[in-house]
PDB file of N, CA and C in Angstrom:
ATOM      1  N   MET A   1     -48.322 -72.001  27.633  1.00  0.00           N
ATOM      2  CA  MET A   1     -48.470 -73.045  28.626  1.00  0.00           C
ATOM      3  C   MET A   1     -49.739 -73.835  28.293  1.00  0.00           C
ATOM      4  N   PRO A   2     -49.651 -75.159  28.282  1.00  0.00           N
ATOM      5  CA  PRO A   2     -50.838 -75.975  27.991  1.00  0.00           C
ATOM      6  C   PRO A   2     -51.928 -75.797  29.046  1.00  0.00           C
ATOM      7  N   THR A   3     -53.143 -76.127  28.645  1.00  0.00           N
ATOM      8  CA  THR A   3     -54.289 -76.096  29.551  1.00  0.00           C
ATOM      9  C   THR A   3     -54.831 -77.506  29.715  1.00  0.00           C
ATOM     10  N   LEU A   4     -55.059 -77.883  30.968  1.00  0.00           N
ATOM     11  CA  LEU A   4     -55.731 -79.154  31.269  1.00  0.00           C
ATOM     12  C   LEU A   4     -57.158 -78.832  31.673  1.00  0.00           C
ATOM     13  N   HIS A   5     -58.092 -79.543  31.078  1.00  0.00           N
ATOM     14  CA  HIS A   5     -59.503 -79.421  31.432  1.00  0.00           C
ATOM     15  C   HIS A   5     -59.855 -80.689  32.202  1.00  0.00           C
ATOM     16  N   PHE A   6     -60.295 -80.532  33.445  1.00  0.00           N
ATOM     17  CA  PHE A   6     -60.671 -81.674  34.279  1.00  0.00           C
ATOM     18  C   PHE A   6     -62.180 -81.781  34.344  1.00  0.00           C
ATOM     19  N   ARG A   7     -62.669 -83.003  34.296  1.00  0.00           N
ATOM     20  CA  ARG A   7     -64.100 -83.281  34.447  1.00  0.00           C
ATOM     21  C   ARG A   7     -64.259 -84.401  35.463  1.00  0.00           C
ATOM     22  N   GLY A   8     -65.392 -84.397  36.132  1.00  0.00           N
ATOM     23  CA  GLY A   8     -65.757 -85.510  36.998  1.00  0.00           C
ATOM     24  C   GLY A   8     -65.354 -85.359  38.444  1.00  0.00           C
ATOM     25  N   LEU A   9     -66.031 -86.105  39.277  1.00  0.00           N
ATOM     26  CA  LEU A   9     -65.821 -86.162  40.716  1.00  0.00           C
ATOM     27  C   LEU A   9     -65.702 -84.772  41.310  1.00  0.00           C
ATOM     28  N   ASP A  10     -64.749 -84.557  42.197  1.00  0.00           N
ATOM     29  CA  ASP A  10     -64.623 -83.283  42.889  1.00  0.00           C
ATOM     30  C   ASP A  10     -64.066 -82.170  42.005  1.00  0.00           C
ATOM     31  N   ALA A  11     -63.524 -82.518  40.839  1.00  0.00           N
ATOM     32  CA  ALA A  11     -62.966 -81.494  39.964  1.00  0.00           C
ATOM     33  C   ALA A  11     -64.064 -80.689  39.285  1.00  0.00           C
ATOM     34  N   GLY A  12     -65.273 -81.244  39.206  1.00  0.00           N
ATOM     35  CA  GLY A  12     -66.331 -80.562  38.467  1.00  0.00           C
ATOM     36  C   GLY A  12     -65.894 -80.398  37.030  1.00  0.00           C
ATOM     37  N   ASP A  13     -66.045 -79.220  36.491  1.00  0.00           N
ATOM     38  CA  ASP A  13     -65.498 -78.859  35.184  1.00  0.00           C
ATOM     39  C   ASP A  13     -64.554 -77.698  35.436  1.00  0.00           C
ATOM     40  N   ARG A  14     -63.272 -77.983  35.362  1.00  0.00           N
ATOM     41  CA  ARG A  14     -62.278 -76.985  35.742  1.00  0.00           C
ATOM     42  C   ARG A  14     -61.110 -77.018  34.767  1.00  0.00           C
ATOM     43  N   SER A  15     -60.608 -75.843  34.413  1.00  0.00           N
ATOM     44  CA  SER A  15     -59.456 -75.734  33.522  1.00  0.00           C
ATOM     45  C   SER A  15     -58.326 -75.024  34.256  1.00  0.00           C
ATOM     46  N   VAL A  16     -57.105 -75.550  34.091  1.00  0.00           N
ATOM     47  CA  VAL A  16     -55.939 -74.961  34.752  1.00  0.00           C
ATOM     48  C   VAL A  16     -54.757 -74.968  33.789  1.00  0.00           C
ATOM     49  N   ASP A  17     -53.831 -74.023  34.000  1.00  0.00           N
ATOM     50  CA  ASP A  17     -52.583 -74.026  33.260  1.00  0.00           C
ATOM     51  C   ASP A  17     -51.702 -75.136  33.800  1.00  0.00           C
ATOM     52  N   ALA A  18     -50.989 -75.806  32.902  1.00  0.00           N
ATOM     53  CA  ALA A  18     -50.197 -76.968  33.281  1.00  0.00           C
ATOM     54  C   ALA A  18     -48.830 -76.906  32.604  1.00  0.00           C
ATOM     55  N   PRO A  19     -47.767 -76.709  33.364  1.00  0.00           N
ATOM     56  CA  PRO A  19     -46.438 -76.621  32.769  1.00  0.00           C
ATOM     57  C   PRO A  19     -46.036 -77.910  32.054  1.00  0.00           C
ATOM     58  N   LEU A  20     -45.403 -77.759  30.921  1.00  0.00           N
ATOM     59  CA  LEU A  20     -44.890 -78.921  30.189  1.00  0.00           C
ATOM     60  C   LEU A  20     -43.970 -79.733  31.088  1.00  0.00           C
ATOM     61  N   GLY A  21     -44.112 -81.042  31.019  1.00  0.00           N
ATOM     62  CA  GLY A  21     -43.228 -81.940  31.754  1.00  0.00           C
ATOM     63  C   GLY A  21     -43.687 -82.306  33.148  1.00  0.00           C
ATOM     64  N   GLU A  22     -44.612 -81.543  33.741  1.00  0.00           N
ATOM     65  CA  GLU A  22     -45.137 -81.923  35.053  1.00  0.00           C
ATOM     66  C   GLU A  22     -46.094 -83.088  34.892  1.00  0.00           C
ATOM     67  N   THR A  23     -46.243 -83.878  35.929  1.00  0.00           N
ATOM     68  CA  THR A  23     -47.223 -84.959  35.882  1.00  0.00           C
ATOM     69  C   THR A  23     -48.610 -84.387  36.163  1.00  0.00           C
ATOM     70  N   VAL A  24     -49.614 -85.119  35.757  1.00  0.00           N
ATOM     71  CA  VAL A  24     -50.994 -84.725  36.049  1.00  0.00           C
ATOM     72  C   VAL A  24     -51.184 -84.623  37.557  1.00  0.00           C
ATOM     73  N   TYR A  25     -50.596 -85.533  38.295  1.00  0.00           N
ATOM     74  CA  TYR A  25     -50.691 -85.524  39.754  1.00  0.00           C
ATOM     75  C   TYR A  25     -50.105 -84.234  40.329  1.00  0.00           C
ATOM     76  N   GLU A  26     -48.947 -83.808  39.839  1.00  0.00           N
ATOM     77  CA  GLU A  26     -48.330 -82.572  40.317  1.00  0.00           C
ATOM     78  C   GLU A  26     -49.216 -81.367  40.017  1.00  0.00           C
ATOM     79  N   VAL A  27     -49.822 -81.353  38.843  1.00  0.00           N
ATOM     80  CA  VAL A  27     -50.723 -80.252  38.477  1.00  0.00           C
ATOM     81  C   VAL A  27     -51.919 -80.225  39.432  1.00  0.00           C
ATOM     82  N   CYS A  28     -52.464 -81.388  39.738  1.00  0.00           N
ATOM     83  CA  CYS A  28     -53.600 -81.455  40.670  1.00  0.00           C
ATOM     84  C   CYS A  28     -53.211 -80.935  42.053  1.00  0.00           C
ATOM     85  N   LEU A  29     -52.037 -81.308  42.528  1.00  0.00           N
ATOM     86  CA  LEU A  29     -51.578 -80.814  43.832  1.00  0.00           C
ATOM     87  C   LEU A  29     -51.451 -79.292  43.820  1.00  0.00           C
ATOM     88  N   THR A  30     -50.875 -78.749  42.773  1.00  0.00           N
ATOM     89  CA  THR A  30     -50.660 -77.307  42.655  1.00  0.00           C
ATOM     90  C   THR A  30     -51.976 -76.531  42.650  1.00  0.00           C
ATOM     91  N   HIS A  31     -53.006 -77.106  42.016  1.00  0.00           N
ATOM     92  CA  HIS A  31     -54.266 -76.395  41.832  1.00  0.00           C
ATOM     93  C   HIS A  31     -55.383 -76.892  42.756  1.00  0.00           C
ATOM     94  N   ASP A  32     -55.033 -77.617  43.799  1.00  0.00           N
ATOM     95  CA  ASP A  32     -56.010 -78.104  44.783  1.00  0.00           C
ATOM     96  C   ASP A  32     -57.146 -78.894  44.148  1.00  0.00           C
ATOM     97  N   ILE A  33     -56.811 -79.718  43.174  1.00  0.00           N
ATOM     98  CA  ILE A  33     -57.779 -80.639  42.580  1.00  0.00           C
ATOM     99  C   ILE A  33     -57.549 -81.981  43.261  1.00  0.00           C
ATOM    100  N   GLU A  34     -58.590 -82.493  43.893  1.00  0.00           N
ATOM    101  CA  GLU A  34     -58.428 -83.703  44.686  1.00  0.00           C
ATOM    102  C   GLU A  34     -58.158 -84.910  43.793  1.00  0.00           C
ATOM    103  N   MET A  35     -56.966 -85.451  43.951  1.00  0.00           N
ATOM    104  CA  MET A  35     -56.583 -86.681  43.269  1.00  0.00           C
ATOM    105  C   MET A  35     -55.912 -87.569  44.317  1.00  0.00           C
ATOM    106  N   VAL A  36     -56.497 -88.702  44.570  1.00  0.00           N
ATOM    107  CA  VAL A  36     -55.924 -89.630  45.533  1.00  0.00           C
ATOM    108  C   VAL A  36     -54.720 -90.301  44.892  1.00  0.00           C
ATOM    109  N   ALA A  37     -53.681 -90.440  45.659  1.00  0.00           N
ATOM    110  CA  ALA A  37     -52.507 -91.208  45.240  1.00  0.00           C
ATOM    111  C   ALA A  37     -52.057 -91.989  46.472  1.00  0.00           C
ATOM    112  N   ALA A  38     -52.724 -93.112  46.713  1.00  0.00           N
ATOM    113  CA  ALA A  38     -52.502 -93.886  47.925  1.00  0.00           C
ATOM    114  C   ALA A  38     -51.042 -94.294  48.109  1.00  0.00           C
ATOM    115  N   CYS A  39     -50.309 -94.462  47.023  1.00  0.00           N
ATOM    116  CA  CYS A  39     -48.911 -94.880  47.103  1.00  0.00           C
ATOM    117  C   CYS A  39     -47.960 -93.692  47.173  1.00  0.00           C
ATOM    118  N   GLY A  40     -48.491 -92.481  47.152  1.00  0.00           N
ATOM    119  CA  GLY A  40     -47.651 -91.298  47.202  1.00  0.00           C
ATOM    120  C   GLY A  40     -47.105 -90.871  45.850  1.00  0.00           C
ATOM    121  N   GLY A  41     -47.643 -91.426  44.788  1.00  0.00           N
ATOM    122  CA  GLY A  41     -47.214 -91.037  43.453  1.00  0.00           C
ATOM    123  C   GLY A  41     -46.062 -91.857  42.901  1.00  0.00           C
ATOM    124  N   PHE A  42     -45.933 -93.103  43.351  1.00  0.00           N
ATOM    125  CA  PHE A  42     -44.821 -93.955  42.925  1.00  0.00           C
ATOM    126  C   PHE A  42     -45.246 -95.110  42.023  1.00  0.00           C
ATOM    127  N   ALA A  43     -46.396 -95.002  41.378  1.00  0.00           N
ATOM    128  CA  ALA A  43     -46.892 -96.018  40.440  1.00  0.00           C
ATOM    129  C   ALA A  43     -46.992 -97.401  41.073  1.00  0.00           C
ATOM    130  N   ALA A  44     -47.517 -97.429  42.290  1.00  0.00           N
ATOM    131  CA  ALA A  44     -47.683 -98.702  42.985  1.00  0.00           C
ATOM    132  C   ALA A  44     -49.151 -98.972  43.327  1.00  0.00           C
ATOM    133  N   CYS A  45     -50.060 -98.169  42.781  1.00  0.00           N
ATOM    134  CA  CYS A  45     -51.491 -98.381  42.994  1.00  0.00           C
ATOM    135  C   CYS A  45     -52.216 -97.854  41.758  1.00  0.00           C
ATOM    136  N   ASN A  46     -53.533 -97.756  41.831  1.00  0.00           N
ATOM    137  CA  ASN A  46     -54.282 -97.242  40.680  1.00  0.00           C
ATOM    138  C   ASN A  46     -55.219 -96.096  41.056  1.00  0.00           C
ATOM    139  N   THR A  47     -55.008 -95.500  42.213  1.00  0.00           N
ATOM    140  CA  THR A  47     -55.960 -94.503  42.700  1.00  0.00           C
ATOM    141  C   THR A  47     -55.865 -93.155  42.002  1.00  0.00           C
ATOM    142  N   CYS A  48     -54.824 -92.914  41.225  1.00  0.00           N
ATOM    143  CA  CYS A  48     -54.670 -91.622  40.533  1.00  0.00           C
ATOM    144  C   CYS A  48     -55.000 -91.726  39.042  1.00  0.00           C
ATOM    145  N   ARG A  49     -55.797 -92.730  38.681  1.00  0.00           N
ATOM    146  CA  ARG A  49     -56.119 -92.909  37.260  1.00  0.00           C
ATOM    147  C   ARG A  49     -56.909 -91.736  36.707  1.00  0.00           C
ATOM    148  N   VAL A  50     -56.615 -91.412  35.451  1.00  0.00           N
ATOM    149  CA  VAL A  50     -57.393 -90.441  34.687  1.00  0.00           C
ATOM    150  C   VAL A  50     -57.707 -91.066  33.343  1.00  0.00           C
ATOM    151  N   ARG A  51     -58.797 -90.620  32.758  1.00  0.00           N
ATOM    152  CA  ARG A  51     -59.167 -91.049  31.408  1.00  0.00           C
ATOM    153  C   ARG A  51     -58.935 -89.863  30.470  1.00  0.00           C
ATOM    154  N   VAL A  52     -58.212 -90.080  29.397  1.00  0.00           N
ATOM    155  CA  VAL A  52     -57.915 -89.023  28.437  1.00  0.00           C
ATOM    156  C   VAL A  52     -59.095 -88.917  27.465  1.00  0.00           C
ATOM    157  N   VAL A  53     -59.812 -87.799  27.534  1.00  0.00           N
ATOM    158  CA  VAL A  53     -60.975 -87.571  26.686  1.00  0.00           C
ATOM    159  C   VAL A  53     -60.526 -86.968  25.355  1.00  0.00           C
ATOM    160  N   THR A  54     -59.716 -85.922  25.417  1.00  0.00           N
ATOM    161  CA  THR A  54     -59.135 -85.310  24.216  1.00  0.00           C
ATOM    162  C   THR A  54     -57.696 -84.945  24.520  1.00  0.00           C
ATOM    163  N   GLY A  55     -56.912 -84.745  23.474  1.00  0.00           N
ATOM    164  CA  GLY A  55     -55.511 -84.399  23.639  1.00  0.00           C
ATOM    165  C   GLY A  55     -54.684 -85.641  23.924  1.00  0.00           C
ATOM    166  N   LYS A  56     -53.488 -85.425  24.410  1.00  0.00           N
ATOM    167  CA  LYS A  56     -52.651 -86.564  24.755  1.00  0.00           C
ATOM    168  C   LYS A  56     -51.689 -86.179  25.856  1.00  0.00           C
ATOM    169  N   LEU A  57     -51.155 -87.193  26.486  1.00  0.00           N
ATOM    170  CA  LEU A  57     -50.162 -87.034  27.533  1.00  0.00           C
ATOM    171  C   LEU A  57     -48.874 -87.703  27.056  1.00  0.00           C
ATOM    172  N   SER A  58     -47.837 -87.679  27.873  1.00  0.00           N
ATOM    173  CA  SER A  58     -46.567 -88.289  27.490  1.00  0.00           C
ATOM    174  C   SER A  58     -46.752 -89.769  27.155  1.00  0.00           C
ATOM    175  N   GLU A  59     -45.779 -90.322  26.465  1.00  0.00           N
ATOM    176  CA  GLU A  59     -45.819 -91.749  26.122  1.00  0.00           C
ATOM    177  C   GLU A  59     -45.810 -92.594  27.396  1.00  0.00           C
ATOM    178  N   MET A  60     -46.507 -93.698  27.360  1.00  0.00           N
ATOM    179  CA  MET A  60     -46.604 -94.599  28.500  1.00  0.00           C
ATOM    180  C   MET A  60     -45.382 -95.510  28.562  1.00  0.00           C
ATOM    181  N   GLU A  61     -44.887 -95.700  29.775  1.00  0.00           N
ATOM    182  CA  GLU A  61     -43.840 -96.699  29.985  1.00  0.00           C
ATOM    183  C   GLU A  61     -44.547 -98.037  30.153  1.00  0.00           C
ATOM    184  N   GLU A  62     -44.424 -98.873  29.153  1.00  0.00           N
ATOM    185  CA  GLU A  62     -45.197-100.123  29.077  1.00  0.00           C
ATOM    186  C   GLU A  62     -44.983-101.056  30.264  1.00  0.00           C
ATOM    187  N   GLU A  63     -43.834-101.014  30.909  1.00  0.00           N
ATOM    188  CA  GLU A  63     -43.597-101.930  32.020  1.00  0.00           C
ATOM    189  C   GLU A  63     -44.128-101.402  33.354  1.00  0.00           C
ATOM    190  N   VAL A  64     -44.587-100.144  33.373  1.00  0.00           N
ATOM    191  CA  VAL A  64     -45.018 -99.532  34.638  1.00  0.00           C
ATOM    192  C   VAL A  64     -46.536 -99.439  34.771  1.00  0.00           C
ATOM    193  N   GLU A  65     -47.214 -98.802  33.831  1.00  0.00           N
ATOM    194  CA  GLU A  65     -48.626 -98.466  34.004  1.00  0.00           C
ATOM    195  C   GLU A  65     -49.646 -99.552  33.684  1.00  0.00           C
ATOM    196  N   PRO A  66     -49.514-100.313  32.612  1.00  0.00           N
ATOM    197  CA  PRO A  66     -50.594-101.217  32.194  1.00  0.00           C
ATOM    198  C   PRO A  66     -51.183-102.125  33.272  1.00  0.00           C
ATOM    199  N   PRO A  67     -50.406-102.646  34.213  1.00  0.00           N
ATOM    200  CA  PRO A  67     -51.031-103.505  35.223  1.00  0.00           C
ATOM    201  C   PRO A  67     -52.094-102.802  36.072  1.00  0.00           C
ATOM    202  N   PHE A  68     -52.066-101.480  36.087  1.00  0.00           N
ATOM    203  CA  PHE A  68     -52.982-100.714  36.929  1.00  0.00           C
ATOM    204  C   PHE A  68     -54.169-100.134  36.165  1.00  0.00           C
ATOM    205  N   LEU A  69     -54.231-100.350  34.868  1.00  0.00           N
ATOM    206  CA  LEU A  69     -55.251 -99.713  34.034  1.00  0.00           C
ATOM    207  C   LEU A  69     -56.276-100.722  33.537  1.00  0.00           C
ATOM    208  N   ASP A  70     -57.527-100.277  33.386  1.00  0.00           N
ATOM    209  CA  ASP A  70     -58.620-101.125  32.922  1.00  0.00           C
ATOM    210  C   ASP A  70     -59.033-100.825  31.490  1.00  0.00           C
ATOM    211  N   ARG A  71     -58.601 -99.675  30.953  1.00  0.00           N
ATOM    212  CA  ARG A  71     -59.052 -99.230  29.626  1.00  0.00           C
ATOM    213  C   ARG A  71     -57.866 -98.651  28.861  1.00  0.00           C
ATOM    214  N   ASP A  72     -57.972 -98.644  27.550  1.00  0.00           N
ATOM    215  CA  ASP A  72     -56.908 -98.100  26.706  1.00  0.00           C
ATOM    216  C   ASP A  72     -56.734 -96.594  26.860  1.00  0.00           C
ATOM    217  N   ASP A  73     -57.800 -95.893  27.269  1.00  0.00           N
ATOM    218  CA  ASP A  73     -57.712 -94.433  27.371  1.00  0.00           C
ATOM    219  C   ASP A  73     -57.347 -93.952  28.773  1.00  0.00           C
ATOM    220  N   GLN A  74     -56.963 -94.869  29.658  1.00  0.00           N
ATOM    221  CA  GLN A  74     -56.581 -94.499  31.014  1.00  0.00           C
ATOM    222  C   GLN A  74     -55.073 -94.313  31.135  1.00  0.00           C
ATOM    223  N   ARG A  75     -54.698 -93.470  32.102  1.00  0.00           N
ATOM    224  CA  ARG A  75     -53.301 -93.273  32.469  1.00  0.00           C
ATOM    225  C   ARG A  75     -53.230 -93.099  33.975  1.00  0.00           C
ATOM    226  N   LEU A  76     -52.056 -93.312  34.539  1.00  0.00           N
ATOM    227  CA  LEU A  76     -51.820 -92.989  35.939  1.00  0.00           C
ATOM    228  C   LEU A  76     -51.386 -91.531  36.002  1.00  0.00           C
ATOM    229  N   GLY A  77     -52.076 -90.752  36.816  1.00  0.00           N
ATOM    230  CA  GLY A  77     -51.751 -89.333  36.939  1.00  0.00           C
ATOM    231  C   GLY A  77     -50.351 -89.080  37.455  1.00  0.00           C
ATOM    232  N   CYS A  78     -49.812 -90.010  38.225  1.00  0.00           N
ATOM    233  CA  CYS A  78     -48.465 -89.831  38.767  1.00  0.00           C
ATOM    234  C   CYS A  78     -47.377 -90.117  37.742  1.00  0.00           C
ATOM    235  N   GLN A  79     -47.728 -90.711  36.612  1.00  0.00           N
ATOM    236  CA  GLN A  79     -46.749 -91.063  35.583  1.00  0.00           C
ATOM    237  C   GLN A  79     -46.909 -90.270  34.304  1.00  0.00           C
ATOM    238  N   ALA A  80     -48.124 -89.844  33.990  1.00  0.00           N
ATOM    239  CA  ALA A  80     -48.414 -89.159  32.737  1.00  0.00           C
ATOM    240  C   ALA A  80     -48.009 -87.690  32.838  1.00  0.00           C
ATOM    241  N   CYS A  81     -47.127 -87.259  31.943  1.00  0.00           N
ATOM    242  CA  CYS A  81     -46.640 -85.876  31.933  1.00  0.00           C
ATOM    243  C   CYS A  81     -47.372 -85.047  30.884  1.00  0.00           C
ATOM    244  N   ILE A  82     -47.408 -83.758  31.126  1.00  0.00           N
ATOM    245  CA  ILE A  82     -48.084 -82.820  30.247  1.00  0.00           C
ATOM    246  C   ILE A  82     -47.233 -82.576  29.000  1.00  0.00           C
ATOM    247  N   VAL A  83     -47.853 -82.749  27.830  1.00  0.00           N
ATOM    248  CA  VAL A  83     -47.174 -82.461  26.561  1.00  0.00           C
ATOM    249  C   VAL A  83     -47.971 -81.473  25.714  1.00  0.00           C
ATOM    250  N   GLY A  84     -49.171 -81.136  26.149  1.00  0.00           N
ATOM    251  CA  GLY A  84     -50.029 -80.206  25.425  1.00  0.00           C
ATOM    252  C   GLY A  84     -51.395 -80.142  26.086  1.00  0.00           C
ATOM    253  N   ASP A  85     -52.310 -79.427  25.464  1.00  0.00           N
ATOM    254  CA  ASP A  85     -53.672 -79.320  26.000  1.00  0.00           C
ATOM    255  C   ASP A  85     -54.320 -80.700  26.050  1.00  0.00           C
ATOM    256  N   ALA A  86     -55.139 -80.918  27.087  1.00  0.00           N
ATOM    257  CA  ALA A  86     -55.851 -82.191  27.199  1.00  0.00           C
ATOM    258  C   ALA A  86     -57.085 -82.006  28.071  1.00  0.00           C
ATOM    259  N   THR A  87     -58.080 -82.840  27.819  1.00  0.00           N
ATOM    260  CA  THR A  87     -59.266 -82.941  28.670  1.00  0.00           C
ATOM    261  C   THR A  87     -59.215 -84.293  29.343  1.00  0.00           C
ATOM    262  N   LEU A  88     -59.316 -84.293  30.671  1.00  0.00           N
ATOM    263  CA  LEU A  88     -59.166 -85.507  31.459  1.00  0.00           C
ATOM    264  C   LEU A  88     -60.377 -85.726  32.350  1.00  0.00           C
ATOM    265  N   LEU A  89     -60.760 -86.957  32.489  1.00  0.00           N
ATOM    266  CA  LEU A  89     -61.824 -87.364  33.392  1.00  0.00           C
ATOM    267  C   LEU A  89     -61.161 -88.082  34.558  1.00  0.00           C
ATOM    268  N   LEU A  90     -61.367 -87.609  35.769  1.00  0.00           N
ATOM    269  CA  LEU A  90     -60.810 -88.302  36.923  1.00  0.00           C
ATOM    270  C   LEU A  90     -61.509 -89.653  37.043  1.00  0.00           C
ATOM    271  N   ASP A  91     -60.731 -90.713  37.101  1.00  0.00           N
ATOM    272  CA  ASP A  91     -61.264 -92.066  37.032  1.00  0.00           C
ATOM    273  C   ASP A  91     -60.527 -92.975  38.014  1.00  0.00           C
ATOM    274  N   PRO A  92     -60.622 -92.664  39.318  1.00  0.00           N
ATOM    275  CA  PRO A  92     -59.807 -93.392  40.286  1.00  0.00           C
ATOM    276  C   PRO A  92     -60.142 -94.866  40.366  1.00  0.00           C
ATOM    277  N   GLY A  93     -59.130 -95.622  40.708  1.00  0.00           N
ATOM    278  CA  GLY A  93     -59.317 -97.050  40.943  1.00  0.00           C
ATOM    279  C   GLY A  93     -59.629 -97.292  42.398  1.00  0.00           C
ATOM    280  N   ASP A  94     -59.508 -98.524  42.817  1.00  0.00           N
ATOM    281  CA  ASP A  94     -59.805 -98.915  44.189  1.00  0.00           C
ATOM    282  C   ASP A  94     -58.803 -98.322  45.157  1.00  0.00           C
ATOM    283  N   VAL A  95     -59.288 -97.881  46.293  1.00  0.00           N
ATOM    284  CA  VAL A  95     -58.409 -97.350  47.339  1.00  0.00           C
ATOM    285  C   VAL A  95     -57.982 -98.480  48.234  1.00  0.00           C
TER     286      VAL A  95
END
């Protein structure tokens, strides 16, 4: 099972097991890591942004995420699925 390493904000420095195919948002809910998702996880806001420090997440759907991202290394936690080990920085957008 892959491991996600979270850094920043309320996550501190924390590592958790993350099942393949789950979204980062789902992993955060399971492990009580505070991740805001103002839209409920439907890719309609930017509050669940994460920055990928190392590793990678699932491929981005180009028509869904880019309007909500400010940097090339950002992803929406509600859309990015686990494909292997990764280190993520919680990087929420505006609420």
